[in-house]
Amino acid sequence: MSRLVKVGMYLLSLQLLFVLVIVNKVDIDINICLGCTYLPWPEISKLAQKNLLLLVYVVMLGASAVFYTVFVSIISDAKDGPIRIGDLEDKNAEHLVFLATYIILFGWVQFG
């Protein structure tokens, strides 16, 4: 599997986190008229500077949406049918360690 595919799958796994952080941390001043035909550039730059990290999250969310469409097109072209898994055996608890590290890291980023 190529690195680009791995990065795409990782971004897809973070898609819900991006949405939650964007909704939680967005800081829009009420005095800005978003429906106006003329929005001054100083106001836009001030808004972008206040929400710079959120803009990065929006870009990453967009990238994950692009990867999603690519993966859907790849899956739709697949000729293999469903695969039946006979047995499943748990070898170790590495997945739990990864999950705990993952949750603690992003909890710190959001609330830190």
PDB file of N, CA and C in Angstrom:
ATOM      1  N   MET A   1       0.851  -1.170   0.000  1.00  0.00           N
ATOM      2  CA  MET A   1       0.000   0.000   0.000  1.00  0.00           C
ATOM      3  C   MET A   1       0.904   1.243   0.000  1.00  0.00           C
ATOM      4  N   SER A   2       0.597   2.200  -0.834  1.00  0.00           N
ATOM      5  CA  SER A   2       1.455   3.379  -0.935  1.00  0.00           C
ATOM      6  C   SER A   2       1.222   4.328   0.245  1.00  0.00           C
ATOM      7  N   ARG A   3       2.159   5.215   0.433  1.00  0.00           N
ATOM      8  CA  ARG A   3       2.052   6.169   1.538  1.00  0.00           C
ATOM      9  C   ARG A   3       0.868   7.111   1.367  1.00  0.00           C
ATOM     10  N   LEU A   4       0.590   7.473   0.128  1.00  0.00           N
ATOM     11  CA  LEU A   4      -0.534   8.367  -0.132  1.00  0.00           C
ATOM     12  C   LEU A   4      -1.850   7.728   0.287  1.00  0.00           C
ATOM     13  N   VAL A   5      -1.994   6.459   0.035  1.00  0.00           N
ATOM     14  CA  VAL A   5      -3.202   5.744   0.461  1.00  0.00           C
ATOM     15  C   VAL A   5      -3.279   5.687   1.980  1.00  0.00           C
ATOM     16  N   LYS A   6      -2.151   5.451   2.621  1.00  0.00           N
ATOM     17  CA  LYS A   6      -2.125   5.405   4.085  1.00  0.00           C
ATOM     18  C   LYS A   6      -2.480   6.768   4.681  1.00  0.00           C
ATOM     19  N   VAL A   7      -1.933   7.835   4.105  1.00  0.00           N
ATOM     20  CA  VAL A   7      -2.256   9.180   4.579  1.00  0.00           C
ATOM     21  C   VAL A   7      -3.735   9.468   4.371  1.00  0.00           C
ATOM     22  N   GLY A   8      -4.264   9.051   3.233  1.00  0.00           N
ATOM     23  CA  GLY A   8      -5.680   9.244   2.961  1.00  0.00           C
ATOM     24  C   GLY A   8      -6.560   8.516   3.961  1.00  0.00           C
ATOM     25  N   MET A   9      -6.218   7.305   4.281  1.00  0.00           N
ATOM     26  CA  MET A   9      -7.000   6.548   5.270  1.00  0.00           C
ATOM     27  C   MET A   9      -6.891   7.168   6.654  1.00  0.00           C
ATOM     28  N   TYR A  10      -5.712   7.678   6.990  1.00  0.00           N
ATOM     29  CA  TYR A  10      -5.543   8.344   8.281  1.00  0.00           C
ATOM     30  C   TYR A  10      -6.400   9.612   8.348  1.00  0.00           C
ATOM     31  N   LEU A  11      -6.402  10.391   7.279  1.00  0.00           N
ATOM     32  CA  LEU A  11      -7.232  11.591   7.262  1.00  0.00           C
ATOM     33  C   LEU A  11      -8.718  11.240   7.327  1.00  0.00           C
ATOM     34  N   LEU A  12      -9.113  10.181   6.680  1.00  0.00           N
ATOM     35  CA  LEU A  12     -10.507   9.744   6.771  1.00  0.00           C
ATOM     36  C   LEU A  12     -10.884   9.352   8.195  1.00  0.00           C
ATOM     37  N   SER A  13      -9.943   8.766   8.918  1.00  0.00           N
ATOM     38  CA  SER A  13     -10.246   8.391  10.303  1.00  0.00           C
ATOM     39  C   SER A  13     -10.364   9.618  11.203  1.00  0.00           C
ATOM     40  N   LEU A  14      -9.766  10.730  10.798  1.00  0.00           N
ATOM     41  CA  LEU A  14      -9.827  11.951  11.602  1.00  0.00           C
ATOM     42  C   LEU A  14     -10.932  12.907  11.166  1.00  0.00           C
ATOM     43  N   GLN A  15     -11.721  12.544  10.191  1.00  0.00           N
ATOM     44  CA  GLN A  15     -12.715  13.439   9.625  1.00  0.00           C
ATOM     45  C   GLN A  15     -13.707  13.938  10.676  1.00  0.00           C
ATOM     46  N   LEU A  16     -14.229  13.064  11.508  1.00  0.00           N
ATOM     47  CA  LEU A  16     -15.174  13.470  12.538  1.00  0.00           C
ATOM     48  C   LEU A  16     -14.505  14.388  13.562  1.00  0.00           C
ATOM     49  N   LEU A  17     -13.251  14.112  13.889  1.00  0.00           N
ATOM     50  CA  LEU A  17     -12.524  14.973  14.819  1.00  0.00           C
ATOM     51  C   LEU A  17     -12.370  16.380  14.251  1.00  0.00           C
ATOM     52  N   PHE A  18     -12.061  16.495  12.969  1.00  0.00           N
ATOM     53  CA  PHE A  18     -11.950  17.813  12.339  1.00  0.00           C
ATOM     54  C   PHE A  18     -13.254  18.587  12.461  1.00  0.00           C
ATOM     55  N   VAL A  19     -14.359  17.923  12.173  1.00  0.00           N
ATOM     56  CA  VAL A  19     -15.663  18.589  12.254  1.00  0.00           C
ATOM     57  C   VAL A  19     -15.954  19.037  13.681  1.00  0.00           C
ATOM     58  N   LEU A  20     -15.696  18.179  14.659  1.00  0.00           N
ATOM     59  CA  LEU A  20     -15.981  18.527  16.052  1.00  0.00           C
ATOM     60  C   LEU A  20     -15.118  19.688  16.539  1.00  0.00           C
ATOM     61  N   VAL A  21     -13.845  19.699  16.187  1.00  0.00           N
ATOM     62  CA  VAL A  21     -12.964  20.791  16.610  1.00  0.00           C
ATOM     63  C   VAL A  21     -13.357  22.087  15.916  1.00  0.00           C
ATOM     64  N   ILE A  22     -13.714  22.023  14.647  1.00  0.00           N
ATOM     65  CA  ILE A  22     -14.128  23.236  13.935  1.00  0.00           C
ATOM     66  C   ILE A  22     -15.366  23.831  14.579  1.00  0.00           C
ATOM     67  N   VAL A  23     -16.346  23.004  14.878  1.00  0.00           N
ATOM     68  CA  VAL A  23     -17.580  23.501  15.497  1.00  0.00           C
ATOM     69  C   VAL A  23     -17.305  24.035  16.899  1.00  0.00           C
ATOM     70  N   ASN A  24     -16.422  23.378  17.631  1.00  0.00           N
ATOM     71  CA  ASN A  24     -16.152  23.765  19.011  1.00  0.00           C
ATOM     72  C   ASN A  24     -15.321  25.047  19.119  1.00  0.00           C
ATOM     73  N   LYS A  25     -14.373  25.239  18.235  1.00  0.00           N
ATOM     74  CA  LYS A  25     -13.411  26.324  18.398  1.00  0.00           C
ATOM     75  C   LYS A  25     -13.595  27.517  17.471  1.00  0.00           C
ATOM     76  N   VAL A  26     -14.597  27.516  16.604  1.00  0.00           N
ATOM     77  CA  VAL A  26     -14.756  28.626  15.677  1.00  0.00           C
ATOM     78  C   VAL A  26     -15.075  29.907  16.450  1.00  0.00           C
ATOM     79  N   ASP A  27     -14.447  30.998  16.028  1.00  0.00           N
ATOM     80  CA  ASP A  27     -14.610  32.284  16.714  1.00  0.00           C
ATOM     81  C   ASP A  27     -14.920  33.342  15.656  1.00  0.00           C
ATOM     82  N   ILE A  28     -16.215  33.594  15.445  1.00  0.00           N
ATOM     83  CA  ILE A  28     -16.646  34.586  14.466  1.00  0.00           C
ATOM     84  C   ILE A  28     -17.272  35.739  15.209  1.00  0.00           C
ATOM     85  N   ASP A  29     -16.802  36.941  14.900  1.00  0.00           N
ATOM     86  CA  ASP A  29     -17.341  38.139  15.516  1.00  0.00           C
ATOM     87  C   ASP A  29     -18.717  38.434  14.914  1.00  0.00           C
ATOM     88  N   ILE A  30     -19.655  38.804  15.749  1.00  0.00           N
ATOM     89  CA  ILE A  30     -21.026  39.061  15.310  1.00  0.00           C
ATOM     90  C   ILE A  30     -21.105  40.293  14.403  1.00  0.00           C
ATOM     91  N   ASN A  31     -20.184  41.243  14.525  1.00  0.00           N
ATOM     92  CA  ASN A  31     -20.238  42.482  13.770  1.00  0.00           C
ATOM     93  C   ASN A  31     -19.916  42.310  12.290  1.00  0.00           C
ATOM     94  N   ILE A  32     -19.429  41.151  11.886  1.00  0.00           N
ATOM     95  CA  ILE A  32     -19.095  40.923  10.485  1.00  0.00           C
ATOM     96  C   ILE A  32     -20.366  40.516   9.741  1.00  0.00           C
ATOM     97  N   CYS A  33     -20.612  41.150   8.635  1.00  0.00           N
ATOM     98  CA  CYS A  33     -21.794  40.860   7.826  1.00  0.00           C
ATOM     99  C   CYS A  33     -21.399  39.865   6.743  1.00  0.00           C
ATOM    100  N   LEU A  34     -21.720  38.569   6.948  1.00  0.00           N
ATOM    101  CA  LEU A  34     -21.333  37.553   5.982  1.00  0.00           C
ATOM    102  C   LEU A  34     -22.264  37.528   4.775  1.00  0.00           C
ATOM    103  N   GLY A  35     -23.439  38.117   4.868  1.00  0.00           N
ATOM    104  CA  GLY A  35     -24.365  38.127   3.753  1.00  0.00           C
ATOM    105  C   GLY A  35     -24.228  39.351   2.872  1.00  0.00           C
ATOM    106  N   CYS A  36     -23.363  40.276   3.238  1.00  0.00           N
ATOM    107  CA  CYS A  36     -23.198  41.513   2.474  1.00  0.00           C
ATOM    108  C   CYS A  36     -22.497  41.239   1.147  1.00  0.00           C
ATOM    109  N   THR A  37     -22.739  42.107   0.194  1.00  0.00           N
ATOM    110  CA  THR A  37     -22.070  41.963  -1.098  1.00  0.00           C
ATOM    111  C   THR A  37     -20.620  42.429  -1.021  1.00  0.00           C
ATOM    112  N   TYR A  38     -20.302  43.274  -0.068  1.00  0.00           N
ATOM    113  CA  TYR A  38     -18.943  43.790   0.079  1.00  0.00           C
ATOM    114  C   TYR A  38     -18.440  43.444   1.478  1.00  0.00           C
ATOM    115  N   LEU A  39     -17.412  42.636   1.559  1.00  0.00           N
ATOM    116  CA  LEU A  39     -16.796  42.287   2.825  1.00  0.00           C
ATOM    117  C   LEU A  39     -15.346  42.760   2.760  1.00  0.00           C
ATOM    118  N   PRO A  40     -14.969  43.730   3.583  1.00  0.00           N
ATOM    119  CA  PRO A  40     -13.621  44.311   3.472  1.00  0.00           C
ATOM    120  C   PRO A  40     -12.522  43.295   3.801  1.00  0.00           C
ATOM    121  N   TRP A  41     -11.428  43.374   3.048  1.00  0.00           N
ATOM    122  CA  TRP A  41     -10.297  42.464   3.237  1.00  0.00           C
ATOM    123  C   TRP A  41      -9.674  42.554   4.622  1.00  0.00           C
ATOM    124  N   PRO A  42      -9.585  43.723   5.257  1.00  0.00           N
ATOM    125  CA  PRO A  42      -9.034  43.730   6.622  1.00  0.00           C
ATOM    126  C   PRO A  42      -9.864  42.893   7.596  1.00  0.00           C
ATOM    127  N   GLU A  43     -11.175  42.894   7.413  1.00  0.00           N
ATOM    128  CA  GLU A  43     -12.025  42.079   8.282  1.00  0.00           C
ATOM    129  C   GLU A  43     -11.813  40.586   8.011  1.00  0.00           C
ATOM    130  N   ILE A  44     -11.657  40.229   6.758  1.00  0.00           N
ATOM    131  CA  ILE A  44     -11.418  38.825   6.404  1.00  0.00           C
ATOM    132  C   ILE A  44     -10.072  38.357   6.952  1.00  0.00           C
ATOM    133  N   SER A  45      -9.044  39.196   6.834  1.00  0.00           N
ATOM    134  CA  SER A  45      -7.723  38.804   7.337  1.00  0.00           C
ATOM    135  C   SER A  45      -7.726  38.705   8.854  1.00  0.00           C
ATOM    136  N   LYS A  46      -8.458  39.592   9.527  1.00  0.00           N
ATOM    137  CA  LYS A  46      -8.554  39.516  10.984  1.00  0.00           C
ATOM    138  C   LYS A  46      -9.251  38.226  11.408  1.00  0.00           C
ATOM    139  N   LEU A  47     -10.312  37.880  10.694  1.00  0.00           N
ATOM    140  CA  LEU A  47     -11.044  36.651  10.977  1.00  0.00           C
ATOM    141  C   LEU A  47     -10.166  35.425  10.715  1.00  0.00           C
ATOM    142  N   ALA A  48      -9.384  35.462   9.649  1.00  0.00           N
ATOM    143  CA  ALA A  48      -8.492  34.345   9.324  1.00  0.00           C
ATOM    144  C   ALA A  48      -7.374  34.206  10.351  1.00  0.00           C
ATOM    145  N   GLN A  49      -6.859  35.319  10.856  1.00  0.00           N
ATOM    146  CA  GLN A  49      -5.799  35.253  11.864  1.00  0.00           C
ATOM    147  C   GLN A  49      -6.322  34.711  13.183  1.00  0.00           C
ATOM    148  N   LYS A  50      -7.564  35.033  13.528  1.00  0.00           N
ATOM    149  CA  LYS A  50      -8.140  34.510  14.765  1.00  0.00           C
ATOM    150  C   LYS A  50      -8.419  33.023  14.663  1.00  0.00           C
ATOM    151  N   ASN A  51      -8.689  32.529  13.456  1.00  0.00           N
ATOM    152  CA  ASN A  51      -9.067  31.140  13.256  1.00  0.00           C
ATOM    153  C   ASN A  51      -8.086  30.407  12.343  1.00  0.00           C
ATOM    154  N   LEU A  52      -6.804  30.661  12.498  1.00  0.00           N
ATOM    155  CA  LEU A  52      -5.800  30.073  11.616  1.00  0.00           C
ATOM    156  C   LEU A  52      -5.752  28.548  11.733  1.00  0.00           C
ATOM    157  N   LEU A  53      -5.771  28.041  12.938  1.00  0.00           N
ATOM    158  CA  LEU A  53      -5.744  26.594  13.124  1.00  0.00           C
ATOM    159  C   LEU A  53      -7.003  25.951  12.545  1.00  0.00           C
ATOM    160  N   LEU A  54      -8.123  26.630  12.667  1.00  0.00           N
ATOM    161  CA  LEU A  54      -9.356  26.099  12.101  1.00  0.00           C
ATOM    162  C   LEU A  54      -9.308  26.062  10.577  1.00  0.00           C
ATOM    163  N   LEU A  55      -8.628  27.027   9.977  1.00  0.00           N
ATOM    164  CA  LEU A  55      -8.471  27.003   8.526  1.00  0.00           C
ATOM    165  C   LEU A  55      -7.656  25.787   8.093  1.00  0.00           C
ATOM    166  N   VAL A  56      -6.647  25.441   8.884  1.00  0.00           N
ATOM    167  CA  VAL A  56      -5.862  24.241   8.594  1.00  0.00           C
ATOM    168  C   VAL A  56      -6.754  23.001   8.703  1.00  0.00           C
ATOM    169  N   TYR A  57      -7.614  22.959   9.736  1.00  0.00           N
ATOM    170  CA  TYR A  57      -8.543  21.842   9.884  1.00  0.00           C
ATOM    171  C   TYR A  57      -9.520  21.767   8.716  1.00  0.00           C
ATOM    172  N   VAL A  58      -9.971  22.907   8.226  1.00  0.00           N
ATOM    173  CA  VAL A  58     -10.887  22.921   7.082  1.00  0.00           C
ATOM    174  C   VAL A  58     -10.184  22.384   5.835  1.00  0.00           C
ATOM    175  N   VAL A  59      -8.926  22.759   5.648  1.00  0.00           N
ATOM    176  CA  VAL A  59      -8.159  22.240   4.510  1.00  0.00           C
ATOM    177  C   VAL A  59      -7.985  20.722   4.636  1.00  0.00           C
ATOM    178  N   MET A  60      -7.673  20.249   5.831  1.00  0.00           N
ATOM    179  CA  MET A  60      -7.515  18.810   6.045  1.00  0.00           C
ATOM    180  C   MET A  60      -8.841  18.081   5.852  1.00  0.00           C
ATOM    181  N   LEU A  61      -9.947  18.706   6.257  1.00  0.00           N
ATOM    182  CA  LEU A  61     -11.259  18.120   6.041  1.00  0.00           C
ATOM    183  C   LEU A  61     -11.563  18.028   4.548  1.00  0.00           C
ATOM    184  N   GLY A  62     -11.191  19.048   3.804  1.00  0.00           N
ATOM    185  CA  GLY A  62     -11.366  19.017   2.357  1.00  0.00           C
ATOM    186  C   GLY A  62     -10.513  17.931   1.716  1.00  0.00           C
ATOM    187  N   ALA A  63      -9.274  17.786   2.196  1.00  0.00           N
ATOM    188  CA  ALA A  63      -8.395  16.738   1.662  1.00  0.00           C
ATOM    189  C   ALA A  63      -8.961  15.356   1.964  1.00  0.00           C
ATOM    190  N   SER A  64      -9.517  15.178   3.151  1.00  0.00           N
ATOM    191  CA  SER A  64     -10.100  13.877   3.474  1.00  0.00           C
ATOM    192  C   SER A  64     -11.340  13.614   2.619  1.00  0.00           C
ATOM    193  N   ALA A  65     -12.093  14.655   2.263  1.00  0.00           N
ATOM    194  CA  ALA A  65     -13.245  14.476   1.369  1.00  0.00           C
ATOM    195  C   ALA A  65     -12.779  14.052  -0.021  1.00  0.00           C
ATOM    196  N   VAL A  66     -11.658  14.614  -0.477  1.00  0.00           N
ATOM    197  CA  VAL A  66     -11.097  14.206  -1.774  1.00  0.00           C
ATOM    198  C   VAL A  66     -10.669  12.748  -1.723  1.00  0.00           C
ATOM    199  N   PHE A  67      -9.985  12.346  -0.650  1.00  0.00           N
ATOM    200  CA  PHE A  67      -9.575  10.951  -0.508  1.00  0.00           C
ATOM    201  C   PHE A  67     -10.792  10.028  -0.448  1.00  0.00           C
ATOM    202  N   TYR A  68     -11.857  10.480   0.196  1.00  0.00           N
ATOM    203  CA  TYR A  68     -13.072   9.672   0.268  1.00  0.00           C
ATOM    204  C   TYR A  68     -13.634   9.400  -1.120  1.00  0.00           C
ATOM    205  N   THR A  69     -13.696  10.440  -1.944  1.00  0.00           N
ATOM    206  CA  THR A  69     -14.222  10.237  -3.299  1.00  0.00           C
ATOM    207  C   THR A  69     -13.314   9.323  -4.113  1.00  0.00           C
ATOM    208  N   VAL A  70     -12.012   9.434  -3.920  1.00  0.00           N
ATOM    209  CA  VAL A  70     -11.074   8.549  -4.628  1.00  0.00           C
ATOM    210  C   VAL A  70     -11.278   7.104  -4.172  1.00  0.00           C
ATOM    211  N   PHE A  71     -11.409   6.891  -2.870  1.00  0.00           N
ATOM    212  CA  PHE A  71     -11.593   5.533  -2.363  1.00  0.00           C
ATOM    213  C   PHE A  71     -12.930   4.943  -2.803  1.00  0.00           C
ATOM    214  N   VAL A  72     -13.973   5.760  -2.868  1.00  0.00           N
ATOM    215  CA  VAL A  72     -15.270   5.267  -3.340  1.00  0.00           C
ATOM    216  C   VAL A  72     -15.173   4.844  -4.799  1.00  0.00           C
ATOM    217  N   SER A  73     -14.454   5.614  -5.605  1.00  0.00           N
ATOM    218  CA  SER A  73     -14.303   5.221  -7.008  1.00  0.00           C
ATOM    219  C   SER A  73     -13.469   3.950  -7.148  1.00  0.00           C
ATOM    220  N   ILE A  74     -12.480   3.773  -6.297  1.00  0.00           N
ATOM    221  CA  ILE A  74     -11.671   2.551  -6.330  1.00  0.00           C
ATOM    222  C   ILE A  74     -12.517   1.349  -5.935  1.00  0.00           C
ATOM    223  N   ILE A  75     -13.320   1.505  -4.901  1.00  0.00           N
ATOM    224  CA  ILE A  75     -14.145   0.402  -4.419  1.00  0.00           C
ATOM    225  C   ILE A  75     -15.231   0.048  -5.430  1.00  0.00           C
ATOM    226  N   SER A  76     -15.792   1.053  -6.084  1.00  0.00           N
ATOM    227  CA  SER A  76     -16.861   0.773  -7.052  1.00  0.00           C
ATOM    228  C   SER A  76     -16.346   0.008  -8.272  1.00  0.00           C
ATOM    229  N   ASP A  77     -15.062   0.131  -8.573  1.00  0.00           N
ATOM    230  CA  ASP A  77     -14.474  -0.585  -9.702  1.00  0.00           C
ATOM    231  C   ASP A  77     -14.007  -1.993  -9.334  1.00  0.00           C
ATOM    232  N   ALA A  78     -14.071  -2.345  -8.059  1.00  0.00           N
ATOM    233  CA  ALA A  78     -13.595  -3.654  -7.619  1.00  0.00           C
ATOM    234  C   ALA A  78     -14.518  -4.751  -8.131  1.00  0.00           C
ATOM    235  N   LYS A  79     -13.927  -5.832  -8.594  1.00  0.00           N
ATOM    236  CA  LYS A  79     -14.702  -6.940  -9.135  1.00  0.00           C
ATOM    237  C   LYS A  79     -14.856  -8.072  -8.117  1.00  0.00           C
ATOM    238  N   ASP A  80     -14.099  -8.023  -7.042  1.00  0.00           N
ATOM    239  CA  ASP A  80     -14.204  -9.056  -6.019  1.00  0.00           C
ATOM    240  C   ASP A  80     -15.474  -8.847  -5.205  1.00  0.00           C
ATOM    241  N   GLY A  81     -16.071  -9.930  -4.844  1.00  0.00           N
ATOM    242  CA  GLY A  81     -17.257  -9.869  -3.998  1.00  0.00           C
ATOM    243  C   GLY A  81     -16.857  -9.782  -2.540  1.00  0.00           C
ATOM    244  N   PRO A  82     -17.818  -9.877  -1.663  1.00  0.00           N
ATOM    245  CA  PRO A  82     -17.487  -9.861  -0.237  1.00  0.00           C
ATOM    246  C   PRO A  82     -16.682 -11.101   0.150  1.00  0.00           C
ATOM    247  N   ILE A  83     -15.807 -10.926   1.117  1.00  0.00           N
ATOM    248  CA  ILE A  83     -14.957 -12.014   1.591  1.00  0.00           C
ATOM    249  C   ILE A  83     -15.477 -12.448   2.957  1.00  0.00           C
ATOM    250  N   ARG A  84     -15.631 -13.737   3.147  1.00  0.00           N
ATOM    251  CA  ARG A  84     -16.120 -14.257   4.422  1.00  0.00           C
ATOM    252  C   ARG A  84     -14.927 -14.584   5.311  1.00  0.00           C
ATOM    253  N   ILE A  85     -14.952 -14.064   6.537  1.00  0.00           N
ATOM    254  CA  ILE A  85     -13.888 -14.321   7.507  1.00  0.00           C
ATOM    255  C   ILE A  85     -14.342 -15.461   8.400  1.00  0.00           C
ATOM    256  N   GLY A  86     -13.560 -16.521   8.445  1.00  0.00           N
ATOM    257  CA  GLY A  86     -13.939 -17.712   9.210  1.00  0.00           C
ATOM    258  C   GLY A  86     -13.643 -17.563  10.691  1.00  0.00           C
ATOM    259  N   ASP A  87     -12.418 -17.268  11.045  1.00  0.00           N
ATOM    260  CA  ASP A  87     -12.015 -17.153  12.449  1.00  0.00           C
ATOM    261  C   ASP A  87     -11.307 -15.837  12.671  1.00  0.00           C
ATOM    262  N   LEU A  88     -11.451 -15.344  13.875  1.00  0.00           N
ATOM    263  CA  LEU A  88     -10.773 -14.122  14.274  1.00  0.00           C
ATOM    264  C   LEU A  88     -10.139 -14.383  15.625  1.00  0.00           C
ATOM    265  N   GLU A  89      -8.848 -14.087  15.715  1.00  0.00           N
ATOM    266  CA  GLU A  89      -8.118 -14.381  16.941  1.00  0.00           C
ATOM    267  C   GLU A  89      -7.359 -13.135  17.370  1.00  0.00           C
ATOM    268  N   ASP A  90      -7.497 -12.764  18.635  1.00  0.00           N
ATOM    269  CA  ASP A  90      -6.805 -11.597  19.167  1.00  0.00           C
ATOM    270  C   ASP A  90      -5.403 -12.011  19.598  1.00  0.00           C
ATOM    271  N   LYS A  91      -4.399 -11.416  18.979  1.00  0.00           N
ATOM    272  CA  LYS A  91      -3.014 -11.778  19.278  1.00  0.00           C
ATOM    273  C   LYS A  91      -2.419 -10.956  20.418  1.00  0.00           C
ATOM    274  N   ASN A  92      -2.719  -9.659  20.438  1.00  0.00           N
ATOM    275  CA  ASN A  92      -2.142  -8.800  21.465  1.00  0.00           C
ATOM    276  C   ASN A  92      -3.040  -7.573  21.665  1.00  0.00           C
ATOM    277  N   ALA A  93      -2.604  -6.664  22.512  1.00  0.00           N
ATOM    278  CA  ALA A  93      -3.406  -5.484  22.837  1.00  0.00           C
ATOM    279  C   ALA A  93      -2.781  -4.212  22.269  1.00  0.00           C
ATOM    280  N   GLU A  94      -2.019  -4.313  21.191  1.00  0.00           N
ATOM    281  CA  GLU A  94      -1.400  -3.124  20.610  1.00  0.00           C
ATOM    282  C   GLU A  94      -2.429  -2.126  20.119  1.00  0.00           C
ATOM    283  N   HIS A  95      -3.548  -2.605  19.622  1.00  0.00           N
ATOM    284  CA  HIS A  95      -4.579  -1.698  19.135  1.00  0.00           C
ATOM    285  C   HIS A  95      -5.143  -0.848  20.263  1.00  0.00           C
ATOM    286  N   LEU A  96      -5.216  -1.393  21.474  1.00  0.00           N
ATOM    287  CA  LEU A  96      -5.705  -0.610  22.617  1.00  0.00           C
ATOM    288  C   LEU A  96      -4.701   0.461  23.017  1.00  0.00           C
ATOM    289  N   VAL A  97      -3.420   0.148  22.951  1.00  0.00           N
ATOM    290  CA  VAL A  97      -2.385   1.132  23.261  1.00  0.00           C
ATOM    291  C   VAL A  97      -2.428   2.266  22.244  1.00  0.00           C
ATOM    292  N   PHE A  98      -2.578   1.929  20.967  1.00  0.00           N
ATOM    293  CA  PHE A  98      -2.669   2.949  19.928  1.00  0.00           C
ATOM    294  C   PHE A  98      -3.890   3.830  20.153  1.00  0.00           C
ATOM    295  N   LEU A  99      -5.026   3.226  20.452  1.00  0.00           N
ATOM    296  CA  LEU A  99      -6.250   3.985  20.654  1.00  0.00           C
ATOM    297  C   LEU A  99      -6.123   4.919  21.856  1.00  0.00           C
ATOM    298  N   ALA A 100      -5.548   4.442  22.948  1.00  0.00           N
ATOM    299  CA  ALA A 100      -5.377   5.283  24.126  1.00  0.00           C
ATOM    300  C   ALA A 100      -4.438   6.448  23.828  1.00  0.00           C
ATOM    301  N   THR A 101      -3.359   6.201  23.134  1.00  0.00           N
ATOM    302  CA  THR A 101      -2.424   7.264  22.768  1.00  0.00           C
ATOM    303  C   THR A 101      -3.089   8.267  21.836  1.00  0.00           C
ATOM    304  N   TYR A 102      -3.856   7.793  20.928  1.00  0.00           N
ATOM    305  CA  TYR A 102      -4.551   8.612  19.939  1.00  0.00           C
ATOM    306  C   TYR A 102      -5.549   9.551  20.626  1.00  0.00           C
ATOM    307  N   ILE A 103      -6.344   9.014  21.527  1.00  0.00           N
ATOM    308  CA  ILE A 103      -7.362   9.815  22.216  1.00  0.00           C
ATOM    309  C   ILE A 103      -6.713  10.833  23.150  1.00  0.00           C
ATOM    310  N   ILE A 104      -5.699  10.425  23.871  1.00  0.00           N
ATOM    311  CA  ILE A 104      -5.031  11.340  24.800  1.00  0.00           C
ATOM    312  C   ILE A 104      -4.362  12.484  24.044  1.00  0.00           C
ATOM    313  N   LEU A 105      -3.713  12.206  22.927  1.00  0.00           N
ATOM    314  CA  LEU A 105      -3.030  13.232  22.147  1.00  0.00           C
ATOM    315  C   LEU A 105      -4.012  14.270  21.632  1.00  0.00           C
ATOM    316  N   PHE A 106      -5.096  13.840  20.996  1.00  0.00           N
ATOM    317  CA  PHE A 106      -6.017  14.800  20.421  1.00  0.00           C
ATOM    318  C   PHE A 106      -6.891  15.470  21.474  1.00  0.00           C
ATOM    319  N   GLY A 107      -7.089  14.838  22.613  1.00  0.00           N
ATOM    320  CA  GLY A 107      -7.757  15.517  23.720  1.00  0.00           C
ATOM    321  C   GLY A 107      -6.895  16.648  24.252  1.00  0.00           C
ATOM    322  N   TRP A 108      -5.586  16.438  24.280  1.00  0.00           N
ATOM    323  CA  TRP A 108      -4.675  17.474  24.748  1.00  0.00           C
ATOM    324  C   TRP A 108      -4.623  18.630  23.740  1.00  0.00           C
ATOM    325  N   VAL A 109      -4.612  18.309  22.455  1.00  0.00           N
ATOM    326  CA  VAL A 109      -4.565  19.348  21.422  1.00  0.00           C
ATOM    327  C   VAL A 109      -5.818  20.209  21.472  1.00  0.00           C
ATOM    328  N   GLN A 110      -6.965  19.597  21.691  1.00  0.00           N
ATOM    329  CA  GLN A 110      -8.214  20.336  21.693  1.00  0.00           C
ATOM    330  C   GLN A 110      -8.371  21.176  22.956  1.00  0.00           C
ATOM    331  N   PHE A 111      -8.034  20.635  24.103  1.00  0.00           N
ATOM    332  CA  PHE A 111      -8.279  21.344  25.352  1.00  0.00           C
ATOM    333  C   PHE A 111      -7.036  21.975  25.964  1.00  0.00           C
ATOM    334  N   GLY A 112      -5.875  21.708  25.385  1.00  0.00           N
ATOM    335  CA  GLY A 112      -4.622  22.211  25.937  1.00  0.00           C
ATOM    336  C   GLY A 112      -4.339  23.636  25.635  1.00  0.00           C
TER     337      GLY A 112
END
